[in-house]
């Protein structure tokens, strides 16, 4: 049993990635970030939690989601953390989806997107 728990601890880790954000321009359309891809060492592991940060112009907001495979979770703000994707494959690419909030028509350029994935 001690060997099993040591193996589980050895498999835990984290990976991070950074991509440029998209320009979100059209009302009612979804804009995708480039995929954030895990290193090979995360193969076979499961997500424990994720943390993100992306830049928006001052005073601007966007509706956003973070997706892995077909599962998406709402992102509340340009900086945050979530355990909602726990159990999903840690090696699967993650991608942000953005859209303008209702009534907003002025385009928004999303700055650099940073993601940290903790896995086990």
C-alpha atoms as a PDB file:
ATOM      1  CA  UNK A   1       0.000   0.000   0.000  1.00  0.00           C
ATOM      2  CA  UNK A   2       2.881   2.365   0.747  1.00  0.00           C
ATOM      3  CA  UNK A   3       4.286   1.716  -2.735  1.00  0.00           C
ATOM      4  CA  UNK A   4       0.917   2.549  -4.332  1.00  0.00           C
ATOM      5  CA  UNK A   5       0.681   5.882  -2.505  1.00  0.00           C
ATOM      6  CA  UNK A   6       4.292   6.738  -3.457  1.00  0.00           C
ATOM      7  CA  UNK A   7       3.488   6.004  -7.097  1.00  0.00           C
ATOM      8  CA  UNK A   8       0.446   8.270  -6.914  1.00  0.00           C
ATOM      9  CA  UNK A   9       2.535  11.075  -5.412  1.00  0.00           C
ATOM     10  CA  UNK A  10       5.208  10.646  -8.080  1.00  0.00           C
ATOM     11  CA  UNK A  11       2.577  11.011 -10.813  1.00  0.00           C
ATOM     12  CA  UNK A  12       1.309  14.350  -9.476  1.00  0.00           C
ATOM     13  CA  UNK A  13       2.515  17.537 -11.059  1.00  0.00           C
ATOM     14  CA  UNK A  14       1.567  20.605 -13.011  1.00  0.00           C
ATOM     15  CA  UNK A  15       2.019  22.091 -16.432  1.00  0.00           C
ATOM     16  CA  UNK A  16       1.539  25.592 -17.748  1.00  0.00           C
ATOM     17  CA  UNK A  17       1.070  27.208 -21.101  1.00  0.00           C
ATOM     18  CA  UNK A  18       0.700  30.627 -22.659  1.00  0.00           C
ATOM     19  CA  UNK A  19      -0.999  31.597 -25.930  1.00  0.00           C
ATOM     20  CA  UNK A  20      -2.068  34.859 -27.530  1.00  0.00           C
ATOM     21  CA  UNK A  21      -5.728  35.673 -27.120  1.00  0.00           C
ATOM     22  CA  UNK A  22      -8.151  36.183 -30.003  1.00  0.00           C
ATOM     23  CA  UNK A  23      -9.807  39.395 -31.156  1.00  0.00           C
ATOM     24  CA  UNK A  24     -13.481  39.087 -30.181  1.00  0.00           C
ATOM     25  CA  UNK A  25     -15.458  41.217 -32.608  1.00  0.00           C
ATOM     26  CA  UNK A  26     -18.859  39.897 -33.647  1.00  0.00           C
ATOM     27  CA  UNK A  27     -21.922  39.818 -31.446  1.00  0.00           C
ATOM     28  CA  UNK A  28     -23.324  36.315 -31.074  1.00  0.00           C
ATOM     29  CA  UNK A  29     -20.149  34.609 -32.327  1.00  0.00           C
ATOM     30  CA  UNK A  30     -17.762  32.402 -30.340  1.00  0.00           C
ATOM     31  CA  UNK A  31     -14.022  33.025 -30.659  1.00  0.00           C
ATOM     32  CA  UNK A  32     -11.540  30.308 -29.690  1.00  0.00           C
ATOM     33  CA  UNK A  33      -8.058  30.649 -28.280  1.00  0.00           C
ATOM     34  CA  UNK A  34      -5.274  28.489 -29.624  1.00  0.00           C
ATOM     35  CA  UNK A  35      -5.222  25.148 -27.789  1.00  0.00           C
ATOM     36  CA  UNK A  36      -3.018  24.896 -24.701  1.00  0.00           C
ATOM     37  CA  UNK A  37      -1.277  21.538 -24.863  1.00  0.00           C
ATOM     38  CA  UNK A  38       0.188  19.467 -22.032  1.00  0.00           C
ATOM     39  CA  UNK A  39       3.659  17.912 -22.102  1.00  0.00           C
ATOM     40  CA  UNK A  40       3.900  14.149 -22.615  1.00  0.00           C
ATOM     41  CA  UNK A  41       4.590  13.595 -18.896  1.00  0.00           C
ATOM     42  CA  UNK A  42       0.908  14.382 -18.157  1.00  0.00           C
ATOM     43  CA  UNK A  43      -0.285  11.446 -20.284  1.00  0.00           C
ATOM     44  CA  UNK A  44      -2.531   9.158 -18.244  1.00  0.00           C
ATOM     45  CA  UNK A  45      -3.018  11.717 -15.460  1.00  0.00           C
ATOM     46  CA  UNK A  46      -6.211  13.557 -14.508  1.00  0.00           C
ATOM     47  CA  UNK A  47      -6.756  17.257 -13.943  1.00  0.00           C
ATOM     48  CA  UNK A  48      -6.997  18.237 -10.296  1.00  0.00           C
ATOM     49  CA  UNK A  49      -7.441  22.015 -10.730  1.00  0.00           C
ATOM     50  CA  UNK A  50      -6.775  24.822 -13.181  1.00  0.00           C
ATOM     51  CA  UNK A  51      -5.749  28.454 -12.733  1.00  0.00           C
ATOM     52  CA  UNK A  52      -5.924  31.065 -15.480  1.00  0.00           C
ATOM     53  CA  UNK A  53      -5.137  34.656 -16.268  1.00  0.00           C
ATOM     54  CA  UNK A  54      -5.725  36.664 -19.406  1.00  0.00           C
ATOM     55  CA  UNK A  55      -5.460  40.351 -20.202  1.00  0.00           C
ATOM     56  CA  UNK A  56      -8.395  42.544 -21.223  1.00  0.00           C
ATOM     57  CA  UNK A  57      -8.440  46.273 -21.938  1.00  0.00           C
ATOM     58  CA  UNK A  58      -9.428  48.352 -18.884  1.00  0.00           C
ATOM     59  CA  UNK A  59     -13.160  48.378 -18.248  1.00  0.00           C
ATOM     60  CA  UNK A  60     -13.914  45.595 -20.760  1.00  0.00           C
ATOM     61  CA  UNK A  61     -15.478  42.203 -20.024  1.00  0.00           C
ATOM     62  CA  UNK A  62     -16.179  39.088 -22.037  1.00  0.00           C
ATOM     63  CA  UNK A  63     -18.225  35.960 -21.526  1.00  0.00           C
ATOM     64  CA  UNK A  64     -15.680  33.130 -21.326  1.00  0.00           C
ATOM     65  CA  UNK A  65     -15.470  29.367 -20.892  1.00  0.00           C
ATOM     66  CA  UNK A  66     -12.588  26.939 -20.505  1.00  0.00           C
ATOM     67  CA  UNK A  67     -13.005  23.691 -22.401  1.00  0.00           C
ATOM     68  CA  UNK A  68     -11.371  20.268 -22.443  1.00  0.00           C
ATOM     69  CA  UNK A  69     -12.686  17.741 -24.932  1.00  0.00           C
ATOM     70  CA  UNK A  70     -16.438  18.491 -25.034  1.00  0.00           C
ATOM     71  CA  UNK A  71     -16.698  19.738 -21.454  1.00  0.00           C
ATOM     72  CA  UNK A  72     -16.744  23.506 -20.873  1.00  0.00           C
ATOM     73  CA  UNK A  73     -16.964  25.448 -17.628  1.00  0.00           C
ATOM     74  CA  UNK A  74     -17.727  29.149 -17.222  1.00  0.00           C
ATOM     75  CA  UNK A  75     -14.777  31.391 -16.426  1.00  0.00           C
ATOM     76  CA  UNK A  76     -15.645  34.137 -13.969  1.00  0.00           C
ATOM     77  CA  UNK A  77     -13.266  36.976 -14.746  1.00  0.00           C
ATOM     78  CA  UNK A  78      -9.867  37.384 -16.322  1.00  0.00           C
ATOM     79  CA  UNK A  79      -8.148  35.695 -13.368  1.00  0.00           C
ATOM     80  CA  UNK A  80      -9.304  32.728 -11.363  1.00  0.00           C
ATOM     81  CA  UNK A  81      -9.151  29.067 -10.415  1.00  0.00           C
ATOM     82  CA  UNK A  82     -11.482  26.098 -10.644  1.00  0.00           C
ATOM     83  CA  UNK A  83     -11.748  22.421  -9.791  1.00  0.00           C
ATOM     84  CA  UNK A  84     -14.735  21.953 -12.142  1.00  0.00           C
ATOM     85  CA  UNK A  85     -12.592  20.069 -14.698  1.00  0.00           C
ATOM     86  CA  UNK A  86     -11.229  17.642 -12.081  1.00  0.00           C
ATOM     87  CA  UNK A  87     -11.064  14.108 -13.441  1.00  0.00           C
ATOM     88  CA  UNK A  88     -10.684  15.178 -17.076  1.00  0.00           C
ATOM     89  CA  UNK A  89      -7.551  13.976 -18.935  1.00  0.00           C
ATOM     90  CA  UNK A  90      -4.567  16.184 -18.040  1.00  0.00           C
ATOM     91  CA  UNK A  91      -2.961  15.562 -21.440  1.00  0.00           C
ATOM     92  CA  UNK A  92      -5.986  16.748 -23.452  1.00  0.00           C
ATOM     93  CA  UNK A  93      -5.668  20.221 -25.016  1.00  0.00           C
ATOM     94  CA  UNK A  94      -7.561  22.985 -23.233  1.00  0.00           C
ATOM     95  CA  UNK A  95      -9.087  25.924 -25.049  1.00  0.00           C
ATOM     96  CA  UNK A  96     -10.824  29.152 -24.068  1.00  0.00           C
ATOM     97  CA  UNK A  97     -14.062  30.257 -25.737  1.00  0.00           C
ATOM     98  CA  UNK A  98     -14.932  33.959 -25.702  1.00  0.00           C
ATOM     99  CA  UNK A  99     -17.934  35.984 -26.802  1.00  0.00           C
ATOM    100  CA  UNK A 100     -19.117  39.550 -26.396  1.00  0.00           C
ATOM    101  CA  UNK A 101     -21.691  40.059 -23.628  1.00  0.00           C
ATOM    102  CA  UNK A 102     -25.246  40.869 -24.783  1.00  0.00           C
ATOM    103  CA  UNK A 103     -25.556  44.411 -26.093  1.00  0.00           C
ATOM    104  CA  UNK A 104     -21.812  44.939 -26.493  1.00  0.00           C
ATOM    105  CA  UNK A 105     -20.617  45.598 -30.042  1.00  0.00           C
ATOM    106  CA  UNK A 106     -17.144  47.086 -29.669  1.00  0.00           C
ATOM    107  CA  UNK A 107     -14.395  44.516 -30.441  1.00  0.00           C
ATOM    108  CA  UNK A 108     -12.132  43.344 -27.613  1.00  0.00           C
ATOM    109  CA  UNK A 109      -8.576  42.079 -28.041  1.00  0.00           C
ATOM    110  CA  UNK A 110      -7.781  39.390 -25.476  1.00  0.00           C
ATOM    111  CA  UNK A 111      -4.146  39.628 -24.411  1.00  0.00           C
ATOM    112  CA  UNK A 112      -1.880  36.748 -23.450  1.00  0.00           C
ATOM    113  CA  UNK A 113      -3.653  33.788 -21.880  1.00  0.00           C
ATOM    114  CA  UNK A 114      -1.812  31.881 -19.149  1.00  0.00           C
ATOM    115  CA  UNK A 115      -3.024  28.543 -17.824  1.00  0.00           C
ATOM    116  CA  UNK A 116      -1.679  26.366 -14.999  1.00  0.00           C
ATOM    117  CA  UNK A 117      -2.984  22.800 -14.721  1.00  0.00           C
ATOM    118  CA  UNK A 118      -2.403  20.734 -11.574  1.00  0.00           C
ATOM    119  CA  UNK A 119      -2.797  17.010 -12.151  1.00  0.00           C
ATOM    120  CA  UNK A 120      -2.443  13.625 -10.464  1.00  0.00           C
END
